[in-house]
Structures are given as structure tokens and as C-alpha cells.
Amino acid sequence: MTRSKLLNSHVIDVHCHPTDSPIVPEAMEALEITICAMSSRQEDQSLVRSLALSYPEKVVPCFGYHPWFTHRITLKPKARKEDHYRSLFSPRNDEETRILSDLVELLPDPTPLEEVLVDLRRNLEDFPSAMLGEVGVDRSFRVAYDYYASPRKLTPFTIPIEHQLAILHAQVDIAVEMRRNISLHSVKSQQATMDLLSNLKTKHGAKWEEISLDMHSCGLSPPMWKEIQKKYSNIFLSLSTVINSRSPNHIALIEACTADRILVESDFNDVSMCTERTWEMLKIVADVKGWTLETEWSDDVDESDWGAVHKLERNWKAFQTGNHTPVGTRKKKREVKEWLSDSEPSDV
């Protein structure tokens, strides 16, 4: 299908990682859709910043620290490098002690959380439309000797969920204070995510509904997603073919998601592929929902005749605007055991 530049200009890739690969200016010049460019670690906060300054009409910058890199952050202002990593990973035997010694040599000195938050606040202040992302929780990720190596050689160490949550809450506190939306990563953490959302709603009260949160490349079970929809008016769901198409679960999620809560993304690190990857998921959503797929854009279409691009742009605008009307919380009559399914796909 041939798509016009005008039609593409109404498509939003709500989650991608263009700074994970070398930025080719020609690819950015050719980009016709809007991308939400995620940061994830200390090294790429400035890269996302520069990309947004160079292409303000095409890039929504997103600043934050991904759970995979939270071991590089210390909660203690003056923690010694070895003490920090040894306390975090707690080797259980001689072999793990040896591995940790080798790993510490390769890891950077930990950054105090206070410094991370100062930098996050500065970036959000400098970009009024910026989001918090990518942040979240991940119970499956194992720390690599060298994250940038290919293939990666993994250690037996995972990052304690308590440490991830402490850093996540600190970042979310700033997002809520500054009324910034959030792109959330959740892998093998279904119950932890449900507890997180409940805690955030209780902690922040009415301010919680002022912002929106997107469950990026959502791998939650459909029953859990339905429960989230009932409890929270400000939670959206986005899917990508690069992650979600690994499992047929994404079709059930699209069916379970109400028409006004779904978004699409590429979750890709090559900006030249973001448009096609986003359209791949857009077509799947349209097919599952039974929506027509526009071949051109028109401002004169009655809402009852809107196709997928119109509907998804409406959802994005609602996500951006925030100020959601709270919904009542219904008591569960029984535990939904499907929440704890281990079938969710793993992020990359």
C-alpha cells in the first residue's frame, strides 16, 4: 500500500531506541512519522537530548534509566565500587565470588541516585513535551560481562527487584511532580507490576490521574490487562512486532484492550526501520479490531467512519493530554491466577 507523507505524519511510534545505533542524518530527514525516542542508561541521555534538539518536529524525547542498568546506580551517596556491587549481587559460593571479582573490574563506578535524578529533572525541564522512559522492572535479566558485546556473555547475577523499584519510584516521583507521561517496561514481573500501580495510585492520589502510563511492548496476560483497565483510567497498552509477535498472546491482548487505550510502537533501534515496524503493528491492530485502514489522510471524515490511523492518533492525543477521570475499583471475587503466567515475551 502506498502511503502519503500526510498520512504518515499522523502515525506515532510511541517507543523506539534510535540512539542505540549510529544516527544517519538521511534517515532522520526521510522520517515522516513521529517517534518517541527512549533513553535507558547514562550514556544515551545526552544522545536523545541531541536528537530531539536536531529534529524537534519528529522526536518526542524520553529520559530515564532502564531496569537493566539500575545496578550501575547506588542508593548510597559515597558507596565504594566493590562494596556496592558485592552488596547488590551477594555471591553465594566461591564460583560466584570469582565471577563477581571479574565483573567488578569491567563495570563502571556506580552513580549516586541523587546525580541521576538531578540530570533527569534537568532534561525534563528543558523539554516540556518529554516523557519518562524507558523505566520499569525486570525479573529475568541477567547482568552481562559486557553489555555491548555480541554475543553477550551473561553472569549468574540478576538485579534485586527491591533495588529496581527504589530507583523506579524515585524517577516516577519526579514524573508525577512535573506531570510527565511514562513508558514502562515490565518483564516476568506481573504481580510486581500490579503492586507497583496500586502503590503509585495510593501514593500520588489525584496527581496520578493527571499523567498517563504506557505498558510498552506489553506482555501481560489478557486477564491482568482487563483488571488494569477496570482499575486505572490512565494506563495505556502498546505493542510491537519485534517483541509481541513472538507470542500469539498479543492477539488476545488486542482483543482485550478497549479501543481507546491501545497504541503502537516499533521498539526498534534503527530509525530507518521505525516506520515500517510501526505500520506492521498498526495493520495487526486494525485487522484484529476490524478497523478500516486509511490509504490517505482527510480531516473531513466523520468520527464514525474513522480508520485505524485516526483512532490511534486520537488515543495518542488522550495519552499526551492526561487529566484522566478516575474509575472505581471493583473488588475481585476470586484471584486471577493467569496474572502469574510466565508466557510473556522478553524485551530487547
Protein backbone atom coordinates (compact mmCIF):
# COMPACT_ATOMS: atom_id res chain seq x y z
CA MET A 1 0.00 0.00 0.00
CA THR A 2 1.33 3.43 -0.94
CA ARG A 3 1.15 5.82 1.99
CA SER A 4 1.24 9.58 1.63
CA LYS A 5 3.54 11.80 3.66
CA LEU A 6 0.45 13.43 5.17
CA LEU A 7 -0.93 10.07 6.32
CA ASN A 8 2.42 9.09 7.85
CA SER A 9 2.57 12.41 9.70
CA HIS A 10 -0.39 11.22 11.81
CA VAL A 11 1.32 7.94 12.83
CA ILE A 12 3.11 7.81 16.19
CA ASP A 13 5.74 5.26 17.16
CA VAL A 14 5.32 5.50 20.93
CA HIS A 15 8.51 3.60 21.82
CA CYS A 16 11.81 3.17 19.98
CA HIS A 17 15.56 3.37 20.61
CA PRO A 18 17.11 5.27 17.68
CA THR A 19 20.24 6.29 19.61
CA ASP A 20 21.18 2.64 20.18
CA SER A 21 22.51 2.69 16.61
CA PRO A 22 24.51 5.33 14.75
CA ILE A 23 22.13 8.08 13.64
CA VAL A 24 22.16 8.51 9.87
CA PRO A 25 21.05 12.09 9.06
CA GLU A 26 19.49 10.96 5.78
CA ALA A 27 17.26 8.52 7.67
CA MET A 28 16.08 11.23 10.05
CA GLU A 29 15.45 13.61 7.17
CA ALA A 30 13.36 10.95 5.43
CA LEU A 31 11.38 10.08 8.57
CA GLU A 32 7.72 11.05 8.17
CA ILE A 33 6.20 9.65 11.39
CA THR A 34 6.62 10.89 14.96
CA ILE A 35 8.90 8.81 17.18
CA CYS A 36 9.19 8.65 20.96
CA ALA A 37 12.94 8.19 21.43
CA MET A 38 13.80 6.32 24.62
CA SER A 39 16.93 6.59 26.72
CA SER A 40 17.93 3.80 29.07
CA ARG A 41 21.34 4.43 30.64
CA GLN A 42 23.73 7.23 31.49
CA GLU A 43 25.47 7.18 28.10
CA ASP A 44 22.39 7.84 25.98
CA GLN A 45 20.59 10.60 27.89
CA SER A 46 22.65 13.20 26.02
CA LEU A 47 22.17 11.36 22.70
CA VAL A 48 18.38 11.53 22.99
CA ARG A 49 18.69 15.16 24.00
CA SER A 50 20.73 15.98 20.89
CA LEU A 51 18.34 14.08 18.61
CA ALA A 52 15.35 16.00 19.96
CA LEU A 53 17.14 19.33 19.54
CA SER A 54 18.01 18.48 15.93
CA TYR A 55 14.53 17.19 14.98
CA PRO A 56 12.00 18.79 17.35
CA GLU A 57 9.06 18.21 14.99
CA LYS A 58 9.73 14.48 14.67
CA VAL A 59 11.07 13.41 18.08
CA VAL A 60 9.42 13.21 21.49
CA PRO A 61 12.42 12.77 23.83
CA CYS A 62 12.16 10.30 26.69
CA PHE A 63 14.63 10.33 29.58
CA GLY A 64 15.12 7.69 32.25
CA TYR A 65 17.04 4.64 33.44
CA HIS A 66 16.03 1.18 32.26
CA PRO A 67 15.93 -1.61 34.89
CA TRP A 68 18.74 -3.45 33.07
CA PHE A 69 21.13 -0.66 34.05
CA THR A 70 19.97 0.04 37.59
CA HIS A 71 22.89 -1.93 39.06
CA ARG A 72 25.07 0.97 37.93
CA ILE A 73 23.20 3.26 40.32
CA THR A 74 23.86 3.34 44.05
CA LEU A 75 21.39 4.40 46.70
CA LYS A 76 24.29 5.40 48.97
CA PRO A 77 25.97 8.71 48.05
CA LYS A 78 29.56 7.62 48.75
CA ALA A 79 29.47 3.88 48.10
CA ARG A 80 32.75 2.24 47.12
CA LYS A 81 32.59 0.41 43.80
CA GLU A 82 33.37 -3.10 45.11
CA ASP A 83 31.17 -2.68 48.19
CA HIS A 84 28.24 -1.56 46.05
CA TYR A 85 28.34 -4.47 43.59
CA ARG A 86 29.13 -7.07 46.23
CA SER A 87 26.20 -5.91 48.35
CA LEU A 88 23.89 -5.83 45.34
CA PHE A 89 24.72 -9.26 43.89
CA SER A 90 25.56 -11.16 47.13
CA PRO A 91 27.65 -14.07 45.73
CA ARG A 92 26.53 -17.40 47.20
CA ASN A 93 29.63 -19.51 46.65
CA ASP A 94 33.29 -19.39 45.62
CA GLU A 95 32.48 -19.57 41.92
CA GLU A 96 30.13 -16.59 42.10
CA THR A 97 32.70 -14.71 44.18
CA ARG A 98 35.26 -15.25 41.42
CA ILE A 99 32.79 -14.18 38.73
CA LEU A 100 31.89 -11.07 40.68
CA SER A 101 35.56 -10.10 41.05
CA ASP A 102 35.97 -10.31 37.28
CA LEU A 103 32.73 -8.43 36.70
CA VAL A 104 33.58 -5.56 39.05
CA GLU A 105 36.70 -4.85 37.01
CA LEU A 106 34.54 -4.32 33.94
CA LEU A 107 31.68 -2.37 35.47
CA PRO A 108 31.76 1.43 35.90
CA ASP A 109 31.87 3.18 39.23
CA PRO A 110 28.27 3.38 40.43
CA THR A 111 26.48 6.71 40.02
CA PRO A 112 24.67 8.07 43.10
CA LEU A 113 20.91 8.16 42.65
CA GLU A 114 20.91 11.85 43.58
CA GLU A 115 23.03 12.64 40.49
CA VAL A 116 20.77 10.56 38.27
CA LEU A 117 17.70 12.46 39.48
CA VAL A 118 19.33 15.88 39.02
CA ASP A 119 20.13 15.01 35.40
CA LEU A 120 16.64 13.58 34.82
CA ARG A 121 14.96 16.69 36.19
CA ARG A 122 17.15 18.96 34.06
CA ASN A 123 16.29 17.09 30.88
CA LEU A 124 12.57 17.08 31.63
CA GLU A 125 12.67 20.79 32.40
CA ASP A 126 14.45 21.54 29.14
CA PHE A 127 11.89 19.63 27.04
CA PRO A 128 8.28 20.42 28.05
CA SER A 129 6.91 17.53 25.94
CA ALA A 130 9.45 14.95 27.18
CA MET A 131 8.39 11.69 28.81
CA LEU A 132 9.95 9.44 31.44
CA GLY A 133 11.25 6.35 29.69
CA GLU A 134 12.34 3.70 29.44
CA VAL A 135 11.91 2.70 33.06
CA GLY A 136 10.42 -0.33 34.79
CA VAL A 137 11.01 -3.73 36.39
CA ASP A 138 12.51 -6.96 35.06
CA ARG A 139 12.92 -10.22 36.96
CA SER A 140 14.57 -12.16 34.15
CA PHE A 141 17.50 -10.00 33.06
CA ARG A 142 20.98 -11.30 33.89
CA VAL A 143 23.88 -8.89 34.03
CA ALA A 144 26.43 -9.35 31.23
CA TYR A 145 30.18 -9.05 31.46
CA ASP A 146 29.95 -6.59 28.58
CA TYR A 147 26.51 -5.37 27.58
CA TYR A 148 27.79 -4.13 24.23
CA ALA A 149 29.48 -7.40 23.20
CA SER A 150 27.90 -9.65 20.59
CA PRO A 151 27.06 -12.24 21.64
CA ARG A 152 26.77 -11.19 25.27
CA LYS A 153 28.33 -13.42 27.89
CA LEU A 154 25.98 -13.49 30.87
CA THR A 155 26.79 -13.77 34.56
CA PRO A 156 24.51 -15.58 37.05
CA PHE A 157 23.58 -12.26 38.67
CA THR A 158 20.19 -10.56 38.47
CA ILE A 159 19.39 -7.13 39.87
CA PRO A 160 17.32 -7.34 43.08
CA ILE A 161 13.75 -6.22 42.46
CA GLU A 162 13.89 -4.04 45.58
CA HIS A 163 16.79 -2.08 44.08
CA GLN A 164 14.97 -1.72 40.76
CA LEU A 165 11.84 -0.47 42.50
CA ALA A 166 13.69 2.07 44.64
CA ILE A 167 15.16 3.66 41.52
CA LEU A 168 11.89 3.38 39.60
CA HIS A 169 9.86 5.08 42.35
CA ALA A 170 12.37 7.93 42.57
CA GLN A 171 12.05 8.57 38.83
CA VAL A 172 8.26 8.27 38.82
CA ASP A 173 8.01 10.73 41.71
CA ILE A 174 9.65 13.35 39.51
CA ALA A 175 7.44 12.47 36.53
CA VAL A 176 4.27 12.85 38.59
CA GLU A 177 5.51 16.09 40.13
CA MET A 178 6.28 17.52 36.68
CA ARG A 179 3.18 15.98 35.04
CA ARG A 180 5.14 13.84 32.58
CA ASN A 181 3.92 10.64 31.00
CA ILE A 182 5.74 7.32 31.40
CA SER A 183 6.82 4.42 29.19
CA LEU A 184 7.06 1.35 31.42
CA HIS A 185 8.99 -1.89 30.89
CA SER A 186 7.67 -4.99 32.67
CA VAL A 187 9.11 -8.48 32.07
CA LYS A 188 8.39 -11.55 34.21
CA SER A 189 7.06 -9.11 36.82
CA GLN A 190 3.30 -9.32 36.57
CA GLN A 191 2.47 -9.28 40.26
CA ALA A 192 5.22 -6.74 40.98
CA THR A 193 3.72 -4.50 38.29
CA MET A 194 0.22 -4.82 39.69
CA ASP A 195 1.55 -3.94 43.16
CA LEU A 196 3.51 -1.03 41.67
CA LEU A 197 0.46 0.51 40.02
CA SER A 198 -1.58 0.17 43.19
CA ASN A 199 1.17 1.77 45.26
CA LEU A 200 1.60 4.64 42.82
CA LYS A 201 -2.11 5.40 42.80
CA THR A 202 -2.22 5.39 46.61
CA LYS A 203 0.98 7.40 46.95
CA HIS A 204 0.17 10.16 44.46
CA GLY A 205 -3.60 10.38 44.78
CA ALA A 206 -5.31 12.72 42.31
CA LYS A 207 -1.98 13.66 40.71
CA TRP A 208 -1.69 10.09 39.44
CA GLU A 209 -4.62 10.61 37.04
CA GLU A 210 -3.01 13.79 35.67
CA ILE A 211 -0.41 11.72 33.81
CA SER A 212 -0.54 8.70 31.50
CA LEU A 213 1.46 5.48 31.65
CA ASP A 214 2.09 3.17 28.70
CA MET A 215 2.77 -0.53 29.20
CA HIS A 216 5.38 -0.78 26.45
CA SER A 217 5.52 -3.94 24.30
CA CYS A 218 3.03 -5.27 26.79
CA GLY A 219 3.45 -8.94 27.65
CA LEU A 220 0.92 -9.09 30.46
CA SER A 221 -1.75 -11.74 30.37
CA PRO A 222 -5.13 -10.61 28.96
CA PRO A 223 -6.92 -11.19 32.31
CA MET A 224 -4.41 -8.95 34.06
CA TRP A 225 -4.75 -6.28 31.40
CA LYS A 226 -8.56 -6.35 31.76
CA GLU A 227 -8.17 -5.86 35.50
CA ILE A 228 -5.84 -2.90 34.94
CA GLN A 229 -8.38 -1.30 32.60
CA LYS A 230 -11.04 -1.60 35.29
CA LYS A 231 -8.87 -0.06 37.99
CA TYR A 232 -6.94 2.66 36.17
CA SER A 233 -8.12 5.23 33.67
CA ASN A 234 -4.60 6.45 32.85
CA ILE A 235 -2.91 3.20 31.74
CA PHE A 236 -2.43 2.53 28.02
CA LEU A 237 -1.09 -0.51 26.17
CA SER A 238 1.33 -0.51 23.23
CA LEU A 239 2.58 -3.44 21.19
CA SER A 240 5.44 -4.08 18.75
CA THR A 241 6.02 -6.84 16.23
CA VAL A 242 9.68 -7.13 17.23
CA ILE A 243 8.65 -8.27 20.75
CA ASN A 244 4.98 -9.22 20.86
CA SER A 245 4.72 -11.20 17.64
CA ARG A 246 6.92 -13.89 19.24
CA SER A 247 3.81 -14.99 21.11
CA PRO A 248 0.17 -15.37 19.98
CA ASN A 249 -0.69 -13.69 23.29
CA HIS A 250 -0.59 -10.29 21.56
CA ILE A 251 -3.73 -11.04 19.55
CA ALA A 252 -5.63 -11.78 22.75
CA LEU A 253 -4.27 -8.59 24.28
CA ILE A 254 -5.51 -6.52 21.34
CA GLU A 255 -8.92 -8.15 21.68
CA ALA A 256 -8.93 -7.47 25.44
CA CYS A 257 -7.86 -3.84 25.14
CA THR A 258 -10.59 -1.24 24.71
CA ALA A 259 -10.42 0.79 21.50
CA ASP A 260 -9.37 3.98 23.31
CA ARG A 261 -6.38 2.53 25.23
CA ILE A 262 -4.28 0.93 22.51
CA LEU A 263 -1.13 2.42 20.93
CA VAL A 264 1.52 1.09 18.53
CA GLU A 265 5.31 1.10 18.56
CA SER A 266 8.34 -0.28 16.76
CA ASP A 267 10.69 -0.81 19.74
CA PHE A 268 13.39 -0.67 17.08
CA ASN A 269 16.91 0.76 17.22
CA ASP A 270 17.30 1.59 13.52
CA VAL A 271 15.35 4.73 12.73
CA SER A 272 15.19 3.81 9.05
CA MET A 273 13.02 0.81 10.06
CA CYS A 274 10.78 2.52 12.62
CA THR A 275 8.10 3.49 10.12
CA GLU A 276 7.66 0.01 8.64
CA ARG A 277 7.80 -1.71 12.04
CA THR A 278 5.16 0.65 13.42
CA TRP A 279 2.93 0.12 10.40
CA GLU A 280 3.28 -3.65 10.82
CA MET A 281 1.68 -3.44 14.26
CA LEU A 282 -0.81 -0.81 13.13
CA LYS A 283 -2.09 -3.23 10.47
CA ILE A 284 -2.37 -6.07 13.00
CA VAL A 285 -4.38 -3.87 15.38
CA ALA A 286 -6.65 -2.77 12.53
CA ASP A 287 -7.21 -6.37 11.46
CA VAL A 288 -7.97 -7.67 14.98
CA LYS A 289 -10.22 -4.72 15.81
CA GLY A 290 -11.97 -4.79 12.45
CA TRP A 291 -10.97 -1.20 11.70
CA THR A 292 -10.53 0.10 8.17
CA LEU A 293 -7.02 1.11 7.15
CA GLU A 294 -6.70 4.53 5.54
CA THR A 295 -4.81 4.96 2.28
CA GLU A 296 -4.78 8.76 2.62
CA TRP A 297 -5.50 11.33 5.32
CA SER A 298 -8.58 13.52 5.47
CA ASP A 299 -9.65 15.98 8.16
CA ASP A 300 -13.25 15.82 6.95
CA VAL A 301 -14.03 12.23 7.97
CA ASP A 302 -16.87 11.76 10.43
CA GLU A 303 -15.67 10.06 13.63
CA SER A 304 -18.00 7.13 12.99
CA ASP A 305 -16.04 6.46 9.79
CA TRP A 306 -12.56 6.80 11.26
CA GLY A 307 -9.97 4.22 10.32
CA ALA A 308 -7.06 2.89 12.37
CA VAL A 309 -4.73 5.87 11.90
CA HIS A 310 -7.40 8.33 13.04
CA LYS A 311 -8.31 6.18 16.05
CA LEU A 312 -4.71 5.64 17.15
CA GLU A 313 -3.90 9.33 16.79
CA ARG A 314 -6.90 10.09 19.00
CA ASN A 315 -5.53 7.66 21.59
CA TRP A 316 -2.09 9.27 21.43
CA LYS A 317 -3.58 12.73 21.98
CA ALA A 318 -5.50 11.44 25.01
CA PHE A 319 -2.29 9.85 26.29
CA GLN A 320 -0.37 13.11 25.83
CA THR A 321 -3.06 15.25 27.44
CA GLY A 322 -3.56 13.20 30.62
CA ASN A 323 -6.05 14.51 33.19
CA HIS A 324 -7.96 11.25 33.22
CA THR A 325 -11.24 10.72 35.05
CA PRO A 326 -10.70 8.23 37.92
CA VAL A 327 -12.52 4.93 37.72
CA GLY A 328 -13.96 2.98 40.62
CA THR A 329 -12.05 -0.03 41.92
CA ARG A 330 -14.06 -3.24 41.95
CA LYS A 331 -13.27 -5.91 44.47
CA LYS A 332 -12.12 -9.18 42.94
CA LYS A 333 -14.35 -12.15 43.64
CA ARG A 334 -11.51 -14.54 43.06
CA GLU A 335 -7.81 -14.50 42.34
CA VAL A 336 -6.99 -14.36 38.63
CA LYS A 337 -4.18 -16.89 38.52
CA GLU A 338 -3.47 -16.19 34.86
CA TRP A 339 -1.71 -12.98 36.03
CA LEU A 340 1.25 -15.02 37.13
CA SER A 341 1.77 -16.67 33.75
CA ASP A 342 5.39 -16.93 32.62
CA SER A 343 4.39 -16.76 28.97
CA GLU A 344 5.16 -13.07 28.47
CA PRO A 345 7.90 -12.32 25.91
CA SER A 346 11.21 -10.81 26.96
CA ASP A 347 12.19 -7.30 25.91
CA VAL A 348 15.36 -6.43 23.99
